[in-house]
Amino acid sequence: MIVCSWFRSRECVFLVVSFFTLRAAYRFCCLGLLRLRHLMDPDAPLLFLFFHHQGGIRRILSFHGIQAVSCPTSLPIVLGCINSRYARIIMDEMGWNCTVRDLEIDKMIAAADGKPHDIALQYASAGIEALQVGVSSSSLIVSCAQIVDFRNNTRLKPESQEMAHSFLSSYTDSVVHVVTGVLVKNMATGNSATGVGVAGVYFGKWHDDRLLDLVSKRSGVMEAPGALYFEDKDVQDHVDYIDGPIGTTLGVPIEIVCKLISEVI
């Protein structure tokens, strides 16, 4: 009886309200400090937390914003990347007008050798060859090829649900490096330039019950390099933080793309 009466008391209500108020204030302060850091040094790697909001990738972009960057050219652009949906959202955020295409890099060449940077650029080069077919001679072609480097092993799209499960479960309490190779080619002059973006994704502990549900019910996992389908809330919930630009994480490192376009025009 004493316990029941205490739960109904004003002190209990005050403690509950205080707890949720302090938790909301903590999250707000963390987000504000991270945002302030990025405003003070936009070129620094963007370190941020996922706060488990609904809304998928567009919410991630709006929260930790890819800053609007003016397109450095008026030439028509053809952009190819592994996930064209991510790319279209990023291009919309930028206000760029370009044609976006999917790249099936794992089907372009049998295998790539070397360090992660070299492998990503080999796939980007293969992407250029596929993208330039039927493209106007006045166009710029941008190939963004993303791979996942985990403990010196290169991972592309999983070939089966079992492989996807193995990929994701191995990320428990580990860091995964998302590597995006970029190659830009000016079709009119033949000039080209390359660059590589890297972001580190730090994971907490994966819960096996949610992992099984994620792999069996989310088709996007099977289409993402290393099974890292960042649009899914279950994937977001297991990310502690990301060290690097959000564009690199999603396969379109916009700062590098702008720099390379400026070099070839």
Protein backbone atom coordinates (compact mmCIF):
# COMPACT_ATOMS: atom_id res chain seq x y z
CA MET A 1 0.00 0.00 0.00
CA ILE A 2 2.84 2.34 0.86
CA VAL A 3 4.50 1.66 -2.52
CA CYS A 4 1.25 2.26 -4.42
CA SER A 5 0.61 5.52 -2.65
CA TRP A 6 4.17 6.68 -3.39
CA PHE A 7 3.72 5.97 -7.13
CA ARG A 8 0.66 8.24 -7.05
CA SER A 9 2.45 10.97 -5.17
CA ARG A 10 3.63 14.29 -6.55
CA GLU A 11 7.26 13.33 -5.88
CA CYS A 12 6.97 10.39 -8.27
CA VAL A 13 5.40 12.53 -10.99
CA PHE A 14 8.12 15.14 -10.49
CA LEU A 15 10.89 12.56 -10.82
CA VAL A 16 9.43 11.06 -13.99
CA VAL A 17 8.96 14.46 -15.62
CA SER A 18 12.46 15.51 -14.58
CA PHE A 19 13.98 12.37 -16.07
CA PHE A 20 12.44 12.85 -19.51
CA THR A 21 13.18 16.59 -19.46
CA LEU A 22 16.85 16.00 -18.66
CA ARG A 23 17.12 13.30 -21.32
CA ALA A 24 15.65 15.62 -23.96
CA ALA A 25 17.95 18.45 -22.86
CA TYR A 26 20.99 16.16 -23.06
CA ARG A 27 20.16 15.11 -26.62
CA PHE A 28 19.50 18.71 -27.64
CA CYS A 29 22.84 19.89 -26.20
CA CYS A 30 24.76 17.07 -27.89
CA LEU A 31 23.22 17.84 -31.25
CA GLY A 32 23.82 21.58 -30.77
CA LEU A 33 27.50 21.10 -29.93
CA LEU A 34 28.07 18.81 -32.90
CA ARG A 35 26.29 21.23 -35.21
CA LEU A 36 28.34 24.14 -33.84
CA ARG A 37 31.54 22.20 -34.45
CA HIS A 38 30.59 21.65 -38.07
CA LEU A 39 29.65 25.32 -38.59
CA MET A 40 32.99 26.44 -37.16
CA ASP A 41 34.96 24.07 -39.38
CA PRO A 42 32.86 22.83 -42.35
CA ASP A 43 35.83 20.98 -43.86
CA ALA A 44 36.47 18.86 -40.78
CA PRO A 45 35.11 15.30 -40.68
CA LEU A 46 31.54 15.45 -39.44
CA LEU A 47 31.22 13.43 -36.24
CA PHE A 48 27.62 12.88 -35.27
CA LEU A 49 25.22 10.66 -33.40
CA PHE A 50 22.09 9.00 -34.66
CA PHE A 51 19.20 9.91 -32.39
CA HIS A 52 16.92 7.15 -33.66
CA HIS A 53 14.41 9.40 -35.40
CA GLN A 54 12.00 8.08 -37.98
CA GLY A 55 12.19 9.33 -41.53
CA GLY A 56 15.04 7.39 -43.09
CA ILE A 57 17.79 8.91 -45.08
CA ARG A 58 16.14 12.26 -45.74
CA ARG A 59 15.87 12.84 -42.00
CA ILE A 60 19.55 11.99 -41.58
CA LEU A 61 20.45 14.52 -44.27
CA SER A 62 18.29 17.25 -42.80
CA PHE A 63 19.57 16.70 -39.26
CA HIS A 64 23.26 16.55 -39.98
CA GLY A 65 22.90 18.39 -43.24
CA ILE A 66 24.94 18.17 -46.31
CA GLN A 67 25.57 21.87 -46.83
CA ALA A 68 24.17 23.21 -50.08
CA VAL A 69 27.00 23.48 -52.60
CA SER A 70 26.67 25.26 -55.93
CA CYS A 71 27.36 23.12 -58.96
CA PRO A 72 30.74 24.24 -60.39
CA THR A 73 29.61 23.84 -64.01
CA SER A 74 26.66 24.39 -66.32
CA LEU A 75 27.57 21.34 -68.40
CA PRO A 76 25.16 18.40 -68.29
CA ILE A 77 26.19 15.85 -65.66
CA VAL A 78 25.62 12.10 -65.64
CA LEU A 79 26.14 10.66 -62.17
CA GLY A 80 26.48 6.93 -61.59
CA CYS A 81 26.57 5.30 -58.16
CA ILE A 82 25.61 2.08 -56.41
CA ASN A 83 22.42 3.48 -54.88
CA SER A 84 20.77 5.96 -57.21
CA ARG A 85 18.06 6.74 -54.66
CA TYR A 86 20.61 8.11 -52.18
CA ALA A 87 22.23 10.07 -54.99
CA ARG A 88 18.95 11.64 -56.13
CA ILE A 89 18.18 12.76 -52.58
CA ILE A 90 21.63 14.29 -52.21
CA MET A 91 21.36 16.03 -55.58
CA ASP A 92 17.95 17.38 -54.58
CA GLU A 93 19.49 18.72 -51.37
CA MET A 94 22.20 20.40 -53.46
CA GLY A 95 19.77 21.75 -56.04
CA TRP A 96 21.79 20.14 -58.83
CA ASN A 97 20.17 19.15 -62.10
CA CYS A 98 21.79 15.94 -63.30
CA THR A 99 20.97 12.49 -64.64
CA VAL A 100 21.44 9.77 -62.02
CA ARG A 101 22.05 6.13 -62.92
CA ASP A 102 22.66 2.92 -61.00
CA LEU A 103 26.05 1.25 -61.17
CA GLU A 104 26.33 -2.50 -60.74
CA ILE A 105 30.04 -2.39 -59.98
CA ASP A 106 30.21 -5.97 -58.74
CA LYS A 107 29.14 -7.11 -62.22
CA MET A 108 31.56 -4.89 -64.16
CA ILE A 109 34.82 -6.59 -63.31
CA ALA A 110 35.40 -10.03 -61.83
CA ALA A 111 37.58 -8.76 -58.99
CA ALA A 112 39.75 -5.84 -58.01
CA ASP A 113 43.10 -6.02 -56.25
CA GLY A 114 45.12 -3.75 -54.03
CA LYS A 115 44.43 -1.46 -51.12
CA PRO A 116 40.84 -0.25 -50.46
CA HIS A 117 41.54 3.11 -52.16
CA ASP A 118 42.87 1.36 -55.27
CA ILE A 119 39.98 -1.10 -55.38
CA ALA A 120 37.39 1.68 -55.12
CA LEU A 121 39.06 3.57 -57.97
CA GLN A 122 39.20 0.44 -60.15
CA TYR A 123 35.45 0.07 -59.77
CA ALA A 124 34.93 3.81 -60.42
CA SER A 125 36.96 3.48 -63.63
CA ALA A 126 34.81 0.56 -64.74
CA GLY A 127 31.77 2.70 -63.97
CA ILE A 128 32.99 5.44 -66.30
CA GLU A 129 33.20 2.93 -69.15
CA ALA A 130 29.59 1.89 -68.60
CA LEU A 131 28.22 5.42 -68.11
CA GLN A 132 29.71 7.03 -71.22
CA VAL A 133 27.74 4.82 -73.61
CA GLY A 134 25.18 6.99 -75.40
CA VAL A 135 26.15 10.15 -73.51
CA SER A 136 26.46 13.54 -75.21
CA SER A 137 30.01 14.62 -76.03
CA SER A 138 29.45 17.83 -74.06
CA SER A 139 28.65 15.99 -70.81
CA LEU A 140 30.56 15.40 -67.62
CA ILE A 141 30.48 11.84 -66.29
CA VAL A 142 30.82 11.21 -62.57
CA SER A 143 31.34 7.65 -61.35
CA CYS A 144 31.08 6.98 -57.59
CA ALA A 145 31.98 3.43 -56.59
CA GLN A 146 31.50 2.48 -52.96
CA ILE A 147 33.02 -0.47 -51.13
CA VAL A 148 33.20 -1.46 -47.48
CA ASP A 149 36.57 -2.19 -45.90
CA PHE A 150 36.36 -4.32 -42.76
CA ARG A 151 39.59 -5.51 -41.21
CA ASN A 152 41.39 -5.32 -44.56
CA ASN A 153 38.67 -7.31 -46.34
CA THR A 154 36.72 -5.68 -49.17
CA ARG A 155 32.96 -6.19 -49.08
CA LEU A 156 30.47 -5.49 -51.85
CA LYS A 157 26.77 -6.40 -51.95
CA PRO A 158 26.02 -9.64 -50.07
CA GLU A 159 25.25 -12.58 -52.34
CA SER A 160 22.81 -14.24 -49.92
CA GLN A 161 20.90 -13.59 -46.71
CA GLU A 162 23.40 -15.78 -44.90
CA MET A 163 26.25 -13.58 -46.12
CA ALA A 164 24.36 -10.41 -45.13
CA HIS A 165 23.78 -11.85 -41.66
CA SER A 166 27.46 -12.74 -41.37
CA PHE A 167 28.49 -9.23 -42.48
CA LEU A 168 26.27 -7.40 -40.02
CA SER A 169 26.94 -9.64 -37.04
CA SER A 170 30.69 -9.20 -37.53
CA TYR A 171 30.35 -5.42 -37.06
CA THR A 172 29.52 -5.73 -33.34
CA ASP A 173 31.66 -3.29 -31.32
CA SER A 174 33.79 -2.59 -34.37
CA VAL A 175 34.59 0.15 -36.86
CA VAL A 176 33.80 -0.25 -40.55
CA HIS A 177 35.34 1.99 -43.21
CA VAL A 178 33.15 3.06 -46.11
CA VAL A 179 35.40 3.89 -49.07
CA THR A 180 34.04 5.72 -52.12
CA GLY A 181 36.17 6.09 -55.23
CA VAL A 182 35.25 8.98 -57.54
CA LEU A 183 36.26 9.46 -61.16
CA VAL A 184 35.11 12.47 -63.20
CA LYS A 185 35.57 12.66 -66.96
CA ASN A 186 34.96 15.56 -69.34
CA MET A 187 33.66 13.95 -72.53
CA ALA A 188 34.53 17.00 -74.65
CA THR A 189 38.20 17.24 -73.68
CA GLY A 190 38.93 13.75 -72.37
CA ASN A 191 40.28 15.25 -69.15
CA SER A 192 39.68 13.16 -66.04
CA ALA A 193 40.42 13.34 -62.31
CA THR A 194 40.12 10.92 -59.41
CA GLY A 195 39.62 11.10 -55.65
CA VAL A 196 38.66 8.90 -52.72
CA GLY A 197 36.44 9.60 -49.71
CA VAL A 198 36.56 7.57 -46.49
CA ALA A 199 34.22 7.52 -43.49
CA GLY A 200 34.48 5.37 -40.37
CA VAL A 201 31.25 3.85 -39.04
CA TYR A 202 31.42 2.81 -35.38
CA PHE A 203 28.95 0.13 -34.33
CA GLY A 204 27.74 -1.01 -30.94
CA LYS A 205 26.42 -4.47 -30.17
CA TRP A 206 24.10 -6.09 -32.70
CA HIS A 207 21.10 -7.92 -31.27
CA ASP A 208 20.58 -11.21 -33.06
CA ASP A 209 16.77 -11.14 -33.01
CA ARG A 210 16.67 -7.75 -34.74
CA LEU A 211 19.46 -8.81 -37.06
CA LEU A 212 17.50 -11.81 -38.32
CA ASP A 213 14.44 -9.63 -38.90
CA LEU A 214 16.52 -7.01 -40.70
CA VAL A 215 18.11 -9.50 -43.09
CA SER A 216 14.93 -11.43 -43.87
CA LYS A 217 12.54 -8.52 -44.36
CA ARG A 218 14.58 -5.57 -45.67
CA SER A 219 15.49 -5.92 -49.34
CA GLY A 220 17.73 -2.83 -49.16
CA VAL A 221 20.27 -4.76 -47.10
CA MET A 222 20.95 -7.03 -50.07
CA GLU A 223 21.60 -4.03 -52.33
CA ALA A 224 24.07 -2.20 -50.09
CA PRO A 225 27.84 -2.76 -49.98
CA GLY A 226 28.70 -4.68 -46.84
CA ALA A 227 24.92 -4.92 -46.15
CA LEU A 228 25.10 -1.39 -44.69
CA TYR A 229 21.63 -0.13 -45.58
CA PHE A 230 21.73 3.14 -43.65
CA GLU A 231 18.16 4.07 -44.46
CA ASP A 232 16.86 1.29 -42.22
CA LYS A 233 16.16 2.28 -38.63
CA ASP A 234 17.53 -1.00 -37.29
CA VAL A 235 20.88 -0.23 -38.91
CA GLN A 236 20.80 3.33 -37.57
CA ASP A 237 20.02 2.07 -34.07
CA HIS A 238 23.26 0.08 -33.97
CA VAL A 239 25.49 2.95 -35.10
CA ASP A 240 27.28 4.74 -32.26
CA TYR A 241 28.72 7.46 -34.47
CA ILE A 242 30.20 8.18 -37.87
CA ASP A 243 33.51 9.92 -38.41
CA GLY A 244 33.41 11.48 -41.86
CA PRO A 245 31.13 13.38 -44.22
CA ILE A 246 27.61 11.97 -44.58
CA GLY A 247 27.90 12.16 -48.38
CA THR A 248 30.85 9.77 -48.29
CA THR A 249 28.91 7.38 -46.08
CA LEU A 250 26.04 7.34 -48.57
CA GLY A 251 28.29 6.91 -51.60
CA VAL A 252 28.35 10.45 -53.02
CA PRO A 253 31.20 12.51 -51.45
CA ILE A 254 29.95 15.83 -52.73
CA GLU A 255 33.01 17.86 -51.69
CA ILE A 256 35.29 15.55 -53.68
CA VAL A 257 32.90 15.55 -56.64
CA CYS A 258 32.92 19.37 -56.75
CA LYS A 259 36.72 19.51 -56.53
CA LEU A 260 37.18 17.00 -59.37
CA ILE A 261 34.63 18.70 -61.61
CA SER A 262 36.52 21.97 -61.20
CA GLU A 263 39.73 20.21 -62.24
CA VAL A 264 38.38 18.82 -65.52
CA ILE A 265 36.32 21.73 -66.88
